[in-house]
Amino acid sequence: MALMKHLNKQHNLKQLMSNWGLFMLLVFTIFALPIITLFVKIRLFEIFITLIVILSSLATSEEGKRKRKVMIQVMLSILAIWISRVANLHYVHLLASLWLVVFFMLRVFRFVGQLSIKEHVSITVIVGAINGYLLIGVGFALLVNMFSAEFPGAFNFHINDSVSHVYDSLYYTFVSMTTLGYGDLLPVSPAAKSLALMITLCGQFYLVTIMALLVGRLLATSSKP
C-alpha cells in the first residue's frame, strides 16, 4: 500500500513538472520564438515542436499498455518532424504534418479526460486546461501551414521558404480561435473558409467544455460539508 502511494506521488510529481514545463515551452514558442528566429537561422521551430511533443506526452502520461502506445506515438511524431526535412519528399511531408495534428489532438483529448476526473480545481488543473487550449492552436497551425503550402492561394499568406510562413499560420490560428479576426490574414478558397470555421468552433467548444468541467468541480467542492 505504501509502495502504491509512493508511485502515485512520483507520477503526480512528474505530471506537475511536465505541465508547468509544457506551459512555459508553449508560451515561449508562440510569443518569443517568432522574434528569435529573425536572428537565429537554424531549425528552432522543429526543435521546439519536438520538445512540445515530448512534454505533452509526459504531462498526459498513462500507465501499462497505453503508455507503450503513447511512446510509439511520440516516436512517430519525432520522426514526422525531422524525416520530412531530411527526405524532402512531398507526400512524406504531407503525411508527417497530418500525423502531428492527430497527435496533438489526441493529447488535447487526454488533457480533457484528466480534467474530468479531478476532484479539486488547483493551479495545476488550470495550467493543464491552458495547455490543452494552446496545443489546439499549435496543432491547427501545423494544419493551416500544410494546407496553405499544398494549395497556394487558399489563404492570402505570403508563401516562401522561410520559417516566417509557419508563424503566419500560428498567428492566424490563434486569431481565429479567439474570434478576434483582425482581417489581415484571410481564408480565400471555400475549403480554407471551412477550415477557418472548424478552427474557430473547436476553440470555442474547448472553452465551453473546460469551463463546464471547472465550474462543476468548484460547485461540487463548495457543496461538500
Protein backbone atom coordinates (compact mmCIF):
# COMPACT_ATOMS: atom_id res chain seq x y z
CA MET A 1 0.00 0.00 0.00
CA ALA A 2 2.82 2.37 0.89
CA LEU A 3 4.58 1.48 -2.37
CA MET A 4 1.45 2.34 -4.39
CA LYS A 5 1.17 5.70 -2.63
CA HIS A 6 4.85 6.38 -3.36
CA LEU A 7 4.41 5.50 -7.04
CA ASN A 8 1.29 7.67 -7.31
CA LYS A 9 3.15 10.57 -5.68
CA GLN A 10 6.02 10.17 -8.16
CA HIS A 11 3.54 10.01 -11.05
CA ASN A 12 1.74 13.15 -9.86
CA LEU A 13 5.05 14.99 -9.40
CA LYS A 14 6.12 14.07 -12.93
CA GLN A 15 2.83 15.33 -14.34
CA LEU A 16 3.08 18.53 -12.27
CA MET A 17 6.56 19.36 -13.57
CA SER A 18 5.64 18.34 -17.12
CA ASN A 19 2.54 20.54 -17.09
CA TRP A 20 4.45 23.61 -15.97
CA GLY A 21 7.32 22.84 -18.34
CA LEU A 22 4.90 22.40 -21.24
CA PHE A 23 3.15 25.66 -20.38
CA MET A 24 6.40 27.64 -20.39
CA LEU A 25 7.55 25.93 -23.59
CA LEU A 26 4.28 26.65 -25.41
CA VAL A 27 4.27 30.28 -24.30
CA PHE A 28 7.88 30.72 -25.42
CA THR A 29 7.21 29.03 -28.78
CA ILE A 30 4.14 31.15 -29.50
CA PHE A 31 5.36 34.54 -28.29
CA ALA A 32 9.16 34.61 -28.26
CA LEU A 33 10.30 32.14 -30.93
CA PRO A 34 8.99 34.16 -33.92
CA ILE A 35 11.21 37.06 -32.81
CA ILE A 36 14.28 34.91 -32.07
CA THR A 37 14.15 33.18 -35.47
CA LEU A 38 14.58 36.56 -37.14
CA PHE A 39 18.18 36.49 -35.88
CA VAL A 40 18.96 32.78 -35.41
CA LYS A 41 18.82 30.94 -38.72
CA ILE A 42 18.54 27.35 -37.56
CA ARG A 43 15.63 24.94 -37.30
CA LEU A 44 14.45 26.26 -33.92
CA PHE A 45 10.78 25.65 -34.69
CA GLU A 46 11.38 21.94 -35.33
CA ILE A 47 13.44 21.68 -32.14
CA PHE A 48 10.74 23.31 -30.01
CA ILE A 49 7.94 21.27 -31.61
CA THR A 50 9.94 18.14 -30.73
CA LEU A 51 10.18 19.30 -27.11
CA ILE A 52 6.45 20.06 -27.07
CA VAL A 53 5.71 16.53 -28.31
CA ILE A 54 7.81 15.01 -25.51
CA LEU A 55 6.49 17.22 -22.70
CA SER A 56 2.85 16.93 -23.81
CA SER A 57 3.15 13.14 -23.65
CA LEU A 58 4.68 13.33 -20.15
CA ALA A 59 2.03 15.79 -18.95
CA THR A 60 -0.70 13.38 -20.07
CA SER A 61 1.22 10.22 -19.19
CA GLU A 62 -0.56 6.91 -18.85
CA GLU A 63 0.40 3.55 -17.41
CA GLY A 64 0.56 -0.01 -18.74
CA LYS A 65 -0.20 -0.83 -22.36
CA ARG A 66 -1.47 2.68 -23.02
CA LYS A 67 1.91 4.07 -22.01
CA ARG A 68 3.60 1.93 -24.66
CA LYS A 69 1.12 3.17 -27.26
CA VAL A 70 1.86 6.78 -26.32
CA MET A 71 5.61 6.14 -26.58
CA ILE A 72 5.10 4.76 -30.10
CA GLN A 73 3.05 7.84 -30.96
CA VAL A 74 5.83 10.09 -29.61
CA MET A 75 8.50 8.31 -31.66
CA LEU A 76 6.35 8.55 -34.79
CA SER A 77 5.79 12.26 -34.12
CA ILE A 78 9.51 12.97 -33.69
CA LEU A 79 10.22 11.07 -36.91
CA ALA A 80 7.44 13.04 -38.59
CA ILE A 81 9.03 16.34 -37.56
CA TRP A 82 12.51 15.54 -38.85
CA ILE A 83 12.23 12.92 -41.60
CA SER A 84 10.23 15.21 -43.87
CA ARG A 85 13.02 17.80 -43.62
CA VAL A 86 15.73 15.26 -44.40
CA ALA A 87 13.91 13.36 -47.15
CA ASN A 88 12.34 16.48 -48.67
CA LEU A 89 9.60 14.33 -50.23
CA HIS A 90 6.21 15.89 -50.84
CA TYR A 91 3.95 13.06 -49.67
CA VAL A 92 6.17 12.24 -46.71
CA HIS A 93 5.90 15.86 -45.56
CA LEU A 94 2.12 15.77 -46.06
CA LEU A 95 1.63 12.60 -44.01
CA ALA A 96 4.04 13.82 -41.34
CA SER A 97 2.12 17.07 -40.91
CA LEU A 98 -1.21 15.24 -40.68
CA TRP A 99 0.16 12.84 -38.07
CA LEU A 100 1.44 15.71 -35.93
CA VAL A 101 -2.02 17.31 -35.99
CA VAL A 102 -3.58 13.99 -34.94
CA PHE A 103 -1.01 13.55 -32.15
CA PHE A 104 -1.67 17.00 -30.67
CA MET A 105 -5.44 16.49 -30.83
CA LEU A 106 -5.05 13.15 -29.02
CA ARG A 107 -3.09 14.93 -26.30
CA VAL A 108 -5.83 17.56 -26.03
CA PHE A 109 -8.47 14.85 -25.56
CA ARG A 110 -6.25 13.31 -22.90
CA PHE A 111 -5.99 16.67 -21.10
CA VAL A 112 -9.78 16.95 -21.09
CA GLY A 113 -10.05 13.37 -19.82
CA GLN A 114 -7.68 14.11 -16.96
CA LEU A 115 -9.54 17.28 -16.03
CA SER A 116 -12.87 15.45 -15.99
CA ILE A 117 -11.73 13.13 -13.17
CA LYS A 118 -10.05 15.75 -10.98
CA GLU A 119 -11.82 16.24 -7.66
CA HIS A 120 -10.48 19.71 -6.93
CA VAL A 121 -9.60 22.74 -9.03
CA SER A 122 -5.97 23.65 -8.41
CA ILE A 123 -3.47 25.84 -10.21
CA THR A 124 -2.06 22.70 -11.85
CA VAL A 125 -5.51 21.80 -13.17
CA ILE A 126 -5.87 25.31 -14.62
CA VAL A 127 -2.41 25.11 -16.22
CA GLY A 128 -3.40 21.76 -17.77
CA ALA A 129 -6.54 23.35 -19.20
CA ILE A 130 -4.49 26.19 -20.68
CA ASN A 131 -2.01 23.71 -22.15
CA GLY A 132 -4.85 21.92 -23.91
CA TYR A 133 -6.03 25.17 -25.48
CA LEU A 134 -2.53 26.13 -26.62
CA LEU A 135 -1.97 22.65 -28.07
CA ILE A 136 -5.13 23.04 -30.14
CA GLY A 137 -3.67 26.24 -31.56
CA VAL A 138 -0.30 24.64 -32.35
CA GLY A 139 -1.95 21.60 -33.93
CA PHE A 140 -4.25 23.65 -36.13
CA ALA A 141 -1.35 25.97 -37.04
CA LEU A 142 0.50 22.98 -38.47
CA LEU A 143 -2.64 22.04 -40.40
CA VAL A 144 -3.07 25.56 -41.77
CA ASN A 145 0.62 25.69 -42.68
CA MET A 146 0.34 22.41 -44.60
CA PHE A 147 -2.94 23.44 -46.26
CA SER A 148 -1.65 26.82 -47.42
CA ALA A 149 1.54 25.24 -48.80
CA GLU A 150 -0.39 22.43 -50.50
CA PHE A 151 -2.97 24.77 -52.04
CA PRO A 152 -1.33 28.12 -52.85
CA GLY A 153 -3.90 30.90 -52.78
CA ALA A 154 -6.17 29.14 -50.28
CA PHE A 155 -5.10 31.79 -47.75
CA ASN A 156 -3.71 35.23 -48.53
CA PHE A 157 -0.39 34.27 -46.91
CA HIS A 158 2.89 35.28 -48.49
CA ILE A 159 4.24 31.82 -49.36
CA ASN A 160 8.01 31.47 -49.20
CA ASP A 161 10.64 29.04 -47.98
CA SER A 162 11.36 30.92 -44.77
CA VAL A 163 10.18 29.82 -41.36
CA SER A 164 8.09 33.01 -41.07
CA HIS A 165 5.33 31.26 -43.02
CA VAL A 166 4.90 28.86 -40.07
CA TYR A 167 4.42 31.78 -37.71
CA ASP A 168 1.88 33.35 -40.04
CA SER A 169 -0.12 30.13 -39.65
CA LEU A 170 0.34 30.20 -35.87
CA TYR A 171 -0.78 33.83 -35.68
CA TYR A 172 -3.78 33.20 -37.95
CA THR A 173 -4.89 30.15 -35.96
CA PHE A 174 -4.94 31.89 -32.58
CA VAL A 175 -6.64 34.97 -34.02
CA SER A 176 -9.33 32.64 -35.40
CA MET A 177 -9.66 30.58 -32.21
CA THR A 178 -10.18 33.67 -30.09
CA THR A 179 -12.64 35.07 -32.69
CA LEU A 180 -10.55 38.25 -32.72
CA GLY A 181 -10.45 38.49 -36.51
CA TYR A 182 -8.07 41.31 -37.41
CA GLY A 183 -8.65 40.61 -41.10
CA ASP A 184 -5.02 40.91 -42.23
CA LEU A 185 -4.74 37.16 -42.94
CA LEU A 186 -7.79 35.63 -44.55
CA PRO A 187 -9.08 32.36 -45.99
CA VAL A 188 -9.80 32.73 -49.71
CA SER A 189 -10.93 29.37 -51.09
CA PRO A 190 -14.14 27.63 -49.91
CA ALA A 191 -12.09 24.80 -48.35
CA ALA A 192 -9.94 27.28 -46.45
CA LYS A 193 -13.07 29.03 -45.17
CA SER A 194 -14.42 25.70 -43.93
CA LEU A 195 -11.12 25.05 -42.16
CA ALA A 196 -11.30 28.53 -40.60
CA LEU A 197 -14.79 27.79 -39.27
CA MET A 198 -13.64 24.47 -37.84
CA ILE A 199 -10.72 26.16 -36.05
CA THR A 200 -13.00 28.84 -34.60
CA LEU A 201 -15.66 26.39 -33.42
CA CYS A 202 -13.15 23.92 -31.95
CA GLY A 203 -11.55 26.72 -29.95
CA GLN A 204 -14.92 27.84 -28.59
CA PHE A 205 -16.16 24.28 -27.92
CA TYR A 206 -12.99 23.59 -25.92
CA LEU A 207 -13.50 26.69 -23.79
CA VAL A 208 -17.15 25.82 -23.13
CA THR A 209 -16.25 22.23 -22.20
CA ILE A 210 -13.41 23.23 -19.88
CA MET A 211 -15.47 25.96 -18.21
CA ALA A 212 -18.29 23.47 -17.58
CA LEU A 213 -15.85 20.97 -16.04
CA LEU A 214 -14.09 23.53 -13.85
CA VAL A 215 -17.29 25.21 -12.67
CA GLY A 216 -18.80 21.79 -11.96
CA ARG A 217 -15.79 20.85 -9.83
CA LEU A 218 -15.91 24.16 -7.95
CA LEU A 219 -19.62 23.77 -7.22
CA ALA A 220 -19.14 20.16 -6.11
CA THR A 221 -16.29 21.18 -3.79
CA SER A 222 -18.21 24.11 -2.28
CA SER A 223 -21.28 21.96 -1.62
CA LYS A 224 -19.37 19.45 0.49
CA PRO A 225 -19.72 19.93 4.23
